[in-house]
């Protein structure tokens, strides 16, 4: 049994059997670096009918979402042609307050890697083990792992986000993991693939994801400097942990759907 799996079993057993004399203790590393503040709204409101969408249709959608408990909707923003057709939030939530994005964070990590490639500092077929040569690999097949495999969730690595609770050296644990399949052969969703991309970016640029993306993505889109949870190794989690507002995600969605450039000279207009 791999060390992280063994420690996970010990953790669960310790929590189940702990008492005052033998408490179940696990190391804790804070992931947040600062507080999130409410941001001013960016997009102006427009009439749904002017965009060819019925207000009644939007109301029906909201009623169905509210009735569907599995949706667990926190907030919602409907944009069309740069205007807000519908903005709402469940009690206790506010779309203007940066919200944990969970695995949507992977999209922004992917953007960062795309920018790094466009700058000629990385390629999709670059072997990851060559960049992290100081880490021994448990399975020699991991030496064939490429950036493309990480982006497409085809690393084959078994060490996943469940193991980060018991490990503090995530990068070493990733390369020391057993493989479920050879890299590039099987799709297997694993947030640690995105984390390794975050570590890789910092290794190449000397900057974390937040600092690297600030002038290239966040500033051109007038996105306030976001909070991104960090690992015990001091690197953004990559696959999760990004906090953004609804408007910020709206900007990113519009940019991707329109094929807009990420270059600073193609930035969004400032808020009016």
C-alpha atoms as a PDB file:
ATOM      1  CA  UNK A   1       0.000   0.000   0.000  1.00  0.00           C
ATOM      2  CA  UNK A   2       1.311   3.438  -0.914  1.00  0.00           C
ATOM      3  CA  UNK A   3       2.317   5.685   1.971  1.00  0.00           C
ATOM      4  CA  UNK A   4      -0.414   8.282   1.381  1.00  0.00           C
ATOM      5  CA  UNK A   5      -3.110   5.600   1.284  1.00  0.00           C
ATOM      6  CA  UNK A   6      -1.769   4.023   4.462  1.00  0.00           C
ATOM      7  CA  UNK A   7      -1.737   7.401   6.196  1.00  0.00           C
ATOM      8  CA  UNK A   8      -5.312   8.063   5.016  1.00  0.00           C
ATOM      9  CA  UNK A   9      -6.419   4.807   6.642  1.00  0.00           C
ATOM     10  CA  UNK A  10      -4.544   5.741   9.819  1.00  0.00           C
ATOM     11  CA  UNK A  11      -6.169   9.178   9.750  1.00  0.00           C
ATOM     12  CA  UNK A  12      -9.671   7.769   9.472  1.00  0.00           C
ATOM     13  CA  UNK A  13      -8.966   5.207  12.185  1.00  0.00           C
ATOM     14  CA  UNK A  14      -7.483   7.872  14.423  1.00  0.00           C
ATOM     15  CA  UNK A  15     -10.497  10.117  14.045  1.00  0.00           C
ATOM     16  CA  UNK A  16     -12.856   7.231  14.718  1.00  0.00           C
ATOM     17  CA  UNK A  17     -10.985   5.904  17.750  1.00  0.00           C
ATOM     18  CA  UNK A  18      -9.528   9.092  19.204  1.00  0.00           C
ATOM     19  CA  UNK A  19     -10.244  10.099  22.780  1.00  0.00           C
ATOM     20  CA  UNK A  20      -8.857  12.578  25.275  1.00  0.00           C
ATOM     21  CA  UNK A  21      -5.789  10.422  25.928  1.00  0.00           C
ATOM     22  CA  UNK A  22      -5.192   9.507  22.277  1.00  0.00           C
ATOM     23  CA  UNK A  23      -6.485  12.347  20.109  1.00  0.00           C
ATOM     24  CA  UNK A  24      -6.512  11.976  16.325  1.00  0.00           C
ATOM     25  CA  UNK A  25      -4.101  14.680  15.150  1.00  0.00           C
ATOM     26  CA  UNK A  26      -3.248  15.624  11.565  1.00  0.00           C
ATOM     27  CA  UNK A  27      -0.933  18.422  10.391  1.00  0.00           C
ATOM     28  CA  UNK A  28      -2.791  21.523   9.211  1.00  0.00           C
ATOM     29  CA  UNK A  29      -1.502  24.096   6.770  1.00  0.00           C
ATOM     30  CA  UNK A  30      -3.684  27.183   6.135  1.00  0.00           C
ATOM     31  CA  UNK A  31      -4.515  27.497   2.431  1.00  0.00           C
ATOM     32  CA  UNK A  32      -5.910  31.049   2.277  1.00  0.00           C
ATOM     33  CA  UNK A  33      -3.534  33.972   2.071  1.00  0.00           C
ATOM     34  CA  UNK A  34      -5.945  36.861   2.732  1.00  0.00           C
ATOM     35  CA  UNK A  35      -9.615  37.831   2.882  1.00  0.00           C
ATOM     36  CA  UNK A  36     -11.902  38.278  -0.120  1.00  0.00           C
ATOM     37  CA  UNK A  37     -13.585  41.685  -0.412  1.00  0.00           C
ATOM     38  CA  UNK A  38     -16.756  42.596  -2.262  1.00  0.00           C
ATOM     39  CA  UNK A  39     -16.023  44.000  -5.728  1.00  0.00           C
ATOM     40  CA  UNK A  40     -17.961  46.630  -7.722  1.00  0.00           C
ATOM     41  CA  UNK A  41     -20.234  45.248 -10.438  1.00  0.00           C
ATOM     42  CA  UNK A  42     -18.787  45.460 -13.936  1.00  0.00           C
ATOM     43  CA  UNK A  43     -21.537  44.622 -16.431  1.00  0.00           C
ATOM     44  CA  UNK A  44     -24.550  46.877 -17.014  1.00  0.00           C
ATOM     45  CA  UNK A  45     -28.096  45.553 -16.858  1.00  0.00           C
ATOM     46  CA  UNK A  46     -30.001  45.159 -20.121  1.00  0.00           C
ATOM     47  CA  UNK A  47     -33.532  44.087 -20.943  1.00  0.00           C
ATOM     48  CA  UNK A  48     -33.748  40.363 -21.779  1.00  0.00           C
ATOM     49  CA  UNK A  49     -36.293  41.145 -24.502  1.00  0.00           C
ATOM     50  CA  UNK A  50     -33.772  43.429 -26.253  1.00  0.00           C
ATOM     51  CA  UNK A  51     -31.500  40.402 -26.513  1.00  0.00           C
ATOM     52  CA  UNK A  52     -34.264  38.184 -27.830  1.00  0.00           C
ATOM     53  CA  UNK A  53     -34.857  36.328 -24.573  1.00  0.00           C
ATOM     54  CA  UNK A  54     -38.137  36.300 -22.678  1.00  0.00           C
ATOM     55  CA  UNK A  55     -38.140  37.491 -19.067  1.00  0.00           C
ATOM     56  CA  UNK A  56     -40.755  34.812 -18.392  1.00  0.00           C
ATOM     57  CA  UNK A  57     -38.324  32.168 -19.642  1.00  0.00           C
ATOM     58  CA  UNK A  58     -35.646  33.373 -17.221  1.00  0.00           C
ATOM     59  CA  UNK A  59     -38.128  33.363 -14.339  1.00  0.00           C
ATOM     60  CA  UNK A  60     -39.143  29.814 -15.218  1.00  0.00           C
ATOM     61  CA  UNK A  61     -35.474  28.765 -15.239  1.00  0.00           C
ATOM     62  CA  UNK A  62     -34.914  30.316 -11.808  1.00  0.00           C
ATOM     63  CA  UNK A  63     -38.004  28.606 -10.388  1.00  0.00           C
ATOM     64  CA  UNK A  64     -36.816  25.231 -11.680  1.00  0.00           C
ATOM     65  CA  UNK A  65     -33.313  25.774 -10.270  1.00  0.00           C
ATOM     66  CA  UNK A  66     -34.704  26.731  -6.883  1.00  0.00           C
ATOM     67  CA  UNK A  67     -36.956  23.666  -6.851  1.00  0.00           C
ATOM     68  CA  UNK A  68     -34.094  21.337  -7.815  1.00  0.00           C
ATOM     69  CA  UNK A  69     -32.235  20.711  -4.547  1.00  0.00           C
ATOM     70  CA  UNK A  70     -29.383  18.928  -6.306  1.00  0.00           C
ATOM     71  CA  UNK A  71     -28.539  22.150  -8.164  1.00  0.00           C
ATOM     72  CA  UNK A  72     -27.505  23.838  -4.898  1.00  0.00           C
ATOM     73  CA  UNK A  73     -27.193  27.133  -6.758  1.00  0.00           C
ATOM     74  CA  UNK A  74     -25.276  29.822  -4.865  1.00  0.00           C
ATOM     75  CA  UNK A  75     -25.453  32.606  -7.452  1.00  0.00           C
ATOM     76  CA  UNK A  76     -26.215  33.005 -11.120  1.00  0.00           C
ATOM     77  CA  UNK A  77     -25.324  35.481 -13.851  1.00  0.00           C
ATOM     78  CA  UNK A  78     -26.770  35.444 -17.373  1.00  0.00           C
ATOM     79  CA  UNK A  79     -24.837  37.517 -19.933  1.00  0.00           C
ATOM     80  CA  UNK A  80     -25.552  38.311 -23.553  1.00  0.00           C
ATOM     81  CA  UNK A  81     -23.511  40.627 -25.769  1.00  0.00           C
ATOM     82  CA  UNK A  82     -21.839  42.216 -22.772  1.00  0.00           C
ATOM     83  CA  UNK A  83     -24.989  42.933 -20.789  1.00  0.00           C
ATOM     84  CA  UNK A  84     -26.546  41.292 -17.741  1.00  0.00           C
ATOM     85  CA  UNK A  85     -29.945  39.754 -18.445  1.00  0.00           C
ATOM     86  CA  UNK A  86     -30.280  38.135 -15.029  1.00  0.00           C
ATOM     87  CA  UNK A  87     -28.332  38.345 -11.777  1.00  0.00           C
ATOM     88  CA  UNK A  88     -29.367  36.643  -8.550  1.00  0.00           C
ATOM     89  CA  UNK A  89     -28.003  34.827  -5.511  1.00  0.00           C
ATOM     90  CA  UNK A  90     -29.329  32.466  -2.872  1.00  0.00           C
ATOM     91  CA  UNK A  91     -29.728  33.786   0.705  1.00  0.00           C
ATOM     92  CA  UNK A  92     -26.322  34.209   2.307  1.00  0.00           C
ATOM     93  CA  UNK A  93     -24.482  34.565  -1.007  1.00  0.00           C
ATOM     94  CA  UNK A  94     -23.499  37.528  -3.144  1.00  0.00           C
ATOM     95  CA  UNK A  95     -22.143  37.252  -6.688  1.00  0.00           C
ATOM     96  CA  UNK A  96     -19.997  40.338  -6.094  1.00  0.00           C
ATOM     97  CA  UNK A  97     -18.058  38.506  -3.376  1.00  0.00           C
ATOM     98  CA  UNK A  98     -15.311  36.206  -4.721  1.00  0.00           C
ATOM     99  CA  UNK A  99     -16.494  32.615  -4.428  1.00  0.00           C
ATOM    100  CA  UNK A 100     -14.570  29.350  -4.347  1.00  0.00           C
ATOM    101  CA  UNK A 101     -14.587  27.971  -7.890  1.00  0.00           C
ATOM    102  CA  UNK A 102     -13.475  24.406  -7.135  1.00  0.00           C
ATOM    103  CA  UNK A 103     -12.539  22.661 -10.410  1.00  0.00           C
ATOM    104  CA  UNK A 104     -13.335  25.676 -12.588  1.00  0.00           C
ATOM    105  CA  UNK A 105      -9.903  26.754 -11.364  1.00  0.00           C
ATOM    106  CA  UNK A 106      -8.433  24.226 -13.811  1.00  0.00           C
ATOM    107  CA  UNK A 107      -9.620  26.383 -16.718  1.00  0.00           C
ATOM    108  CA  UNK A 108      -7.552  29.337 -15.510  1.00  0.00           C
ATOM    109  CA  UNK A 109      -4.534  27.101 -14.894  1.00  0.00           C
ATOM    110  CA  UNK A 110      -4.926  25.835 -18.461  1.00  0.00           C
ATOM    111  CA  UNK A 111      -4.978  29.442 -19.712  1.00  0.00           C
ATOM    112  CA  UNK A 112      -1.703  30.104 -17.919  1.00  0.00           C
ATOM    113  CA  UNK A 113      -0.063  27.093 -19.535  1.00  0.00           C
ATOM    114  CA  UNK A 114      -1.402  28.194 -22.922  1.00  0.00           C
ATOM    115  CA  UNK A 115       0.154  31.620 -22.428  1.00  0.00           C
ATOM    116  CA  UNK A 116       3.448  30.045 -21.397  1.00  0.00           C
ATOM    117  CA  UNK A 117       3.411  27.982 -24.593  1.00  0.00           C
ATOM    118  CA  UNK A 118       2.529  31.031 -26.719  1.00  0.00           C
ATOM    119  CA  UNK A 119       5.566  32.800 -25.254  1.00  0.00           C
ATOM    120  CA  UNK A 120       7.780  29.965 -26.484  1.00  0.00           C
ATOM    121  CA  UNK A 121       8.795  28.931 -22.963  1.00  0.00           C
ATOM    122  CA  UNK A 122       7.094  25.539 -22.992  1.00  0.00           C
ATOM    123  CA  UNK A 123       5.723  22.958 -25.427  1.00  0.00           C
ATOM    124  CA  UNK A 124       2.897  20.433 -25.172  1.00  0.00           C
ATOM    125  CA  UNK A 125       5.309  17.570 -25.754  1.00  0.00           C
ATOM    126  CA  UNK A 126       7.864  18.654 -23.150  1.00  0.00           C
ATOM    127  CA  UNK A 127       8.600  15.769 -20.800  1.00  0.00           C
ATOM    128  CA  UNK A 128       7.657  16.755 -17.280  1.00  0.00           C
ATOM    129  CA  UNK A 129      10.250  14.493 -15.621  1.00  0.00           C
ATOM    130  CA  UNK A 130      13.003  16.459 -17.374  1.00  0.00           C
ATOM    131  CA  UNK A 131      11.803  19.631 -15.643  1.00  0.00           C
ATOM    132  CA  UNK A 132      11.625  17.863 -12.266  1.00  0.00           C
ATOM    133  CA  UNK A 133      14.740  15.735 -12.619  1.00  0.00           C
ATOM    134  CA  UNK A 134      15.463  15.835  -8.881  1.00  0.00           C
ATOM    135  CA  UNK A 135      12.365  13.779  -8.092  1.00  0.00           C
ATOM    136  CA  UNK A 136      12.779   9.988  -8.407  1.00  0.00           C
ATOM    137  CA  UNK A 137       9.908   8.191 -10.120  1.00  0.00           C
ATOM    138  CA  UNK A 138       8.410   5.006  -8.709  1.00  0.00           C
ATOM    139  CA  UNK A 139       7.258   3.806 -12.132  1.00  0.00           C
ATOM    140  CA  UNK A 140       9.671   4.396 -15.031  1.00  0.00           C
ATOM    141  CA  UNK A 141       6.730   4.919 -17.382  1.00  0.00           C
ATOM    142  CA  UNK A 142       6.225   8.280 -15.683  1.00  0.00           C
ATOM    143  CA  UNK A 143       9.338   9.496 -17.483  1.00  0.00           C
ATOM    144  CA  UNK A 144       7.217   9.669 -20.657  1.00  0.00           C
ATOM    145  CA  UNK A 145       4.711  12.046 -19.029  1.00  0.00           C
ATOM    146  CA  UNK A 146       4.253  15.252 -21.055  1.00  0.00           C
ATOM    147  CA  UNK A 147       2.546  18.593 -20.527  1.00  0.00           C
ATOM    148  CA  UNK A 148      -0.150  17.422 -22.930  1.00  0.00           C
ATOM    149  CA  UNK A 149      -0.884  14.414 -20.690  1.00  0.00           C
ATOM    150  CA  UNK A 150      -1.344  16.685 -17.663  1.00  0.00           C
ATOM    151  CA  UNK A 151      -3.677  19.023 -19.536  1.00  0.00           C
ATOM    152  CA  UNK A 152      -5.793  16.170 -20.885  1.00  0.00           C
ATOM    153  CA  UNK A 153      -5.928  14.234 -17.588  1.00  0.00           C
ATOM    154  CA  UNK A 154      -3.958  11.300 -18.955  1.00  0.00           C
ATOM    155  CA  UNK A 155      -1.040  11.088 -16.520  1.00  0.00           C
ATOM    156  CA  UNK A 156      -2.179   7.729 -15.147  1.00  0.00           C
ATOM    157  CA  UNK A 157      -0.972   8.770 -11.665  1.00  0.00           C
ATOM    158  CA  UNK A 158      -2.906   7.321  -8.721  1.00  0.00           C
ATOM    159  CA  UNK A 159      -1.963   9.979  -6.169  1.00  0.00           C
ATOM    160  CA  UNK A 160      -4.948  12.337  -6.151  1.00  0.00           C
ATOM    161  CA  UNK A 161      -6.548  15.158  -4.200  1.00  0.00           C
ATOM    162  CA  UNK A 162      -7.647  12.744  -1.480  1.00  0.00           C
ATOM    163  CA  UNK A 163      -3.985  12.204  -0.624  1.00  0.00           C
ATOM    164  CA  UNK A 164      -3.180  15.861  -0.052  1.00  0.00           C
ATOM    165  CA  UNK A 165      -4.821  15.669   3.373  1.00  0.00           C
ATOM    166  CA  UNK A 166      -2.084  13.360   4.614  1.00  0.00           C
ATOM    167  CA  UNK A 167       0.878  14.670   2.603  1.00  0.00           C
ATOM    168  CA  UNK A 168       2.737  17.960   2.728  1.00  0.00           C
ATOM    169  CA  UNK A 169       5.166  17.295  -0.149  1.00  0.00           C
ATOM    170  CA  UNK A 170       2.654  16.978  -2.951  1.00  0.00           C
ATOM    171  CA  UNK A 171       5.109  17.107  -5.843  1.00  0.00           C
ATOM    172  CA  UNK A 172       7.284  14.320  -4.478  1.00  0.00           C
ATOM    173  CA  UNK A 173       4.184  12.224  -3.728  1.00  0.00           C
ATOM    174  CA  UNK A 174       2.987  12.704  -7.324  1.00  0.00           C
ATOM    175  CA  UNK A 175       6.223  11.451  -8.875  1.00  0.00           C
ATOM    176  CA  UNK A 176       6.545   8.661  -6.307  1.00  0.00           C
ATOM    177  CA  UNK A 177       3.037   7.414  -7.037  1.00  0.00           C
ATOM    178  CA  UNK A 178       2.118   4.148  -8.670  1.00  0.00           C
ATOM    179  CA  UNK A 179       0.415   4.351 -12.072  1.00  0.00           C
ATOM    180  CA  UNK A 180      -3.018   3.049 -12.977  1.00  0.00           C
ATOM    181  CA  UNK A 181      -2.032   3.221 -16.653  1.00  0.00           C
ATOM    182  CA  UNK A 182       0.808   4.448 -18.822  1.00  0.00           C
ATOM    183  CA  UNK A 183       0.741   8.206 -19.479  1.00  0.00           C
ATOM    184  CA  UNK A 184      -1.291   9.132 -22.544  1.00  0.00           C
ATOM    185  CA  UNK A 185      -3.353   5.939 -22.659  1.00  0.00           C
ATOM    186  CA  UNK A 186      -6.336   6.474 -20.337  1.00  0.00           C
ATOM    187  CA  UNK A 187      -8.385   9.519 -19.298  1.00  0.00           C
ATOM    188  CA  UNK A 188      -8.515   9.679 -15.506  1.00  0.00           C
ATOM    189  CA  UNK A 189      -9.688  12.878 -13.815  1.00  0.00           C
ATOM    190  CA  UNK A 190      -7.151  13.907 -11.201  1.00  0.00           C
ATOM    191  CA  UNK A 191      -6.745  17.413  -9.808  1.00  0.00           C
ATOM    192  CA  UNK A 192      -3.087  16.732  -9.058  1.00  0.00           C
ATOM    193  CA  UNK A 193      -2.386  16.938 -12.793  1.00  0.00           C
ATOM    194  CA  UNK A 194      -3.367  20.607 -12.650  1.00  0.00           C
ATOM    195  CA  UNK A 195      -1.358  21.105  -9.469  1.00  0.00           C
ATOM    196  CA  UNK A 196       1.786  19.818 -11.188  1.00  0.00           C
ATOM    197  CA  UNK A 197       1.105  22.288 -14.017  1.00  0.00           C
ATOM    198  CA  UNK A 198       1.053  25.062 -11.408  1.00  0.00           C
ATOM    199  CA  UNK A 199       4.352  23.851  -9.932  1.00  0.00           C
ATOM    200  CA  UNK A 200       5.806  23.536 -13.434  1.00  0.00           C
ATOM    201  CA  UNK A 201       4.842  27.116 -14.293  1.00  0.00           C
ATOM    202  CA  UNK A 202       6.519  28.407 -11.155  1.00  0.00           C
ATOM    203  CA  UNK A 203       9.615  26.326 -11.892  1.00  0.00           C
ATOM    204  CA  UNK A 204       9.911  27.863 -15.365  1.00  0.00           C
ATOM    205  CA  UNK A 205       8.907  31.467 -14.661  1.00  0.00           C
ATOM    206  CA  UNK A 206       9.828  31.915 -11.014  1.00  0.00           C
ATOM    207  CA  UNK A 207       6.289  33.206 -10.437  1.00  0.00           C
ATOM    208  CA  UNK A 208       3.157  31.592  -9.046  1.00  0.00           C
ATOM    209  CA  UNK A 209      -0.008  31.415 -11.114  1.00  0.00           C
ATOM    210  CA  UNK A 210      -1.446  34.599  -9.576  1.00  0.00           C
ATOM    211  CA  UNK A 211       1.645  36.723 -10.225  1.00  0.00           C
ATOM    212  CA  UNK A 212       2.160  35.296 -13.711  1.00  0.00           C
ATOM    213  CA  UNK A 213      -1.458  35.893 -14.754  1.00  0.00           C
ATOM    214  CA  UNK A 214      -1.809  39.331 -13.179  1.00  0.00           C
ATOM    215  CA  UNK A 215      -0.420  41.366 -16.109  1.00  0.00           C
ATOM    216  CA  UNK A 216      -1.407  38.847 -18.779  1.00  0.00           C
ATOM    217  CA  UNK A 217      -5.007  38.027 -17.870  1.00  0.00           C
ATOM    218  CA  UNK A 218      -6.386  39.647 -14.737  1.00  0.00           C
ATOM    219  CA  UNK A 219      -5.331  43.260 -15.371  1.00  0.00           C
ATOM    220  CA  UNK A 220      -6.413  43.322 -19.053  1.00  0.00           C
ATOM    221  CA  UNK A 221      -9.832  42.001 -18.019  1.00  0.00           C
ATOM    222  CA  UNK A 222     -10.089  44.376 -15.049  1.00  0.00           C
ATOM    223  CA  UNK A 223     -10.306  41.473 -12.625  1.00  0.00           C
ATOM    224  CA  UNK A 224      -9.313  42.379  -9.087  1.00  0.00           C
ATOM    225  CA  UNK A 225      -6.306  40.432  -7.862  1.00  0.00           C
ATOM    226  CA  UNK A 226      -7.894  37.078  -6.972  1.00  0.00           C
ATOM    227  CA  UNK A 227      -7.286  34.887  -3.992  1.00  0.00           C
ATOM    228  CA  UNK A 228      -5.945  31.439  -4.826  1.00  0.00           C
ATOM    229  CA  UNK A 229      -5.419  28.837  -2.130  1.00  0.00           C
ATOM    230  CA  UNK A 230      -1.854  27.596  -1.841  1.00  0.00           C
ATOM    231  CA  UNK A 231      -0.369  24.207  -1.056  1.00  0.00           C
ATOM    232  CA  UNK A 232       1.997  23.388   1.814  1.00  0.00           C
ATOM    233  CA  UNK A 233       4.731  23.845  -0.797  1.00  0.00           C
ATOM    234  CA  UNK A 234       3.722  27.478  -1.292  1.00  0.00           C
ATOM    235  CA  UNK A 235       2.241  26.978  -4.776  1.00  0.00           C
ATOM    236  CA  UNK A 236      -1.310  27.714  -5.937  1.00  0.00           C
ATOM    237  CA  UNK A 237      -3.375  24.532  -5.898  1.00  0.00           C
ATOM    238  CA  UNK A 238      -4.001  24.802  -9.649  1.00  0.00           C
ATOM    239  CA  UNK A 239      -6.829  22.295  -9.846  1.00  0.00           C
ATOM    240  CA  UNK A 240      -8.953  24.061  -7.235  1.00  0.00           C
ATOM    241  CA  UNK A 241      -8.890  26.908  -4.731  1.00  0.00           C
ATOM    242  CA  UNK A 242      -9.452  29.973  -6.961  1.00  0.00           C
ATOM    243  CA  UNK A 243     -11.892  32.628  -5.709  1.00  0.00           C
ATOM    244  CA  UNK A 244     -13.540  34.879  -8.330  1.00  0.00           C
ATOM    245  CA  UNK A 245     -16.744  36.897  -8.605  1.00  0.00           C
ATOM    246  CA  UNK A 246     -19.573  36.151 -11.016  1.00  0.00           C
ATOM    247  CA  UNK A 247     -18.566  39.142 -13.149  1.00  0.00           C
ATOM    248  CA  UNK A 248     -14.986  37.872 -13.379  1.00  0.00           C
ATOM    249  CA  UNK A 249     -16.166  34.492 -14.620  1.00  0.00           C
ATOM    250  CA  UNK A 250     -18.437  36.335 -17.028  1.00  0.00           C
ATOM    251  CA  UNK A 251     -15.454  38.188 -18.484  1.00  0.00           C
ATOM    252  CA  UNK A 252     -13.493  34.963 -18.861  1.00  0.00           C
ATOM    253  CA  UNK A 253     -16.458  33.240 -20.497  1.00  0.00           C
ATOM    254  CA  UNK A 254     -17.012  36.080 -22.949  1.00  0.00           C
ATOM    255  CA  UNK A 255     -13.331  36.167 -23.811  1.00  0.00           C
ATOM    256  CA  UNK A 256     -13.200  32.438 -24.500  1.00  0.00           C
ATOM    257  CA  UNK A 257     -16.456  32.369 -26.463  1.00  0.00           C
ATOM    258  CA  UNK A 258     -15.446  35.309 -28.650  1.00  0.00           C
ATOM    259  CA  UNK A 259     -11.865  34.183 -29.161  1.00  0.00           C
ATOM    260  CA  UNK A 260     -10.559  37.467 -27.770  1.00  0.00           C
ATOM    261  CA  UNK A 261      -6.810  37.835 -27.339  1.00  0.00           C
ATOM    262  CA  UNK A 262      -5.265  37.642 -23.891  1.00  0.00           C
ATOM    263  CA  UNK A 263      -2.770  40.314 -24.765  1.00  0.00           C
ATOM    264  CA  UNK A 264      -2.856  43.496 -22.734  1.00  0.00           C
ATOM    265  CA  UNK A 265      -3.462  45.615 -25.855  1.00  0.00           C
ATOM    266  CA  UNK A 266      -6.755  43.750 -26.386  1.00  0.00           C
ATOM    267  CA  UNK A 267      -8.071  44.399 -22.917  1.00  0.00           C
ATOM    268  CA  UNK A 268     -11.655  44.883 -21.805  1.00  0.00           C
ATOM    269  CA  UNK A 269     -12.788  48.504 -21.494  1.00  0.00           C
ATOM    270  CA  UNK A 270     -12.657  49.812 -17.932  1.00  0.00           C
ATOM    271  CA  UNK A 271     -15.917  49.778 -15.979  1.00  0.00           C
ATOM    272  CA  UNK A 272     -18.054  52.879 -16.507  1.00  0.00           C
END
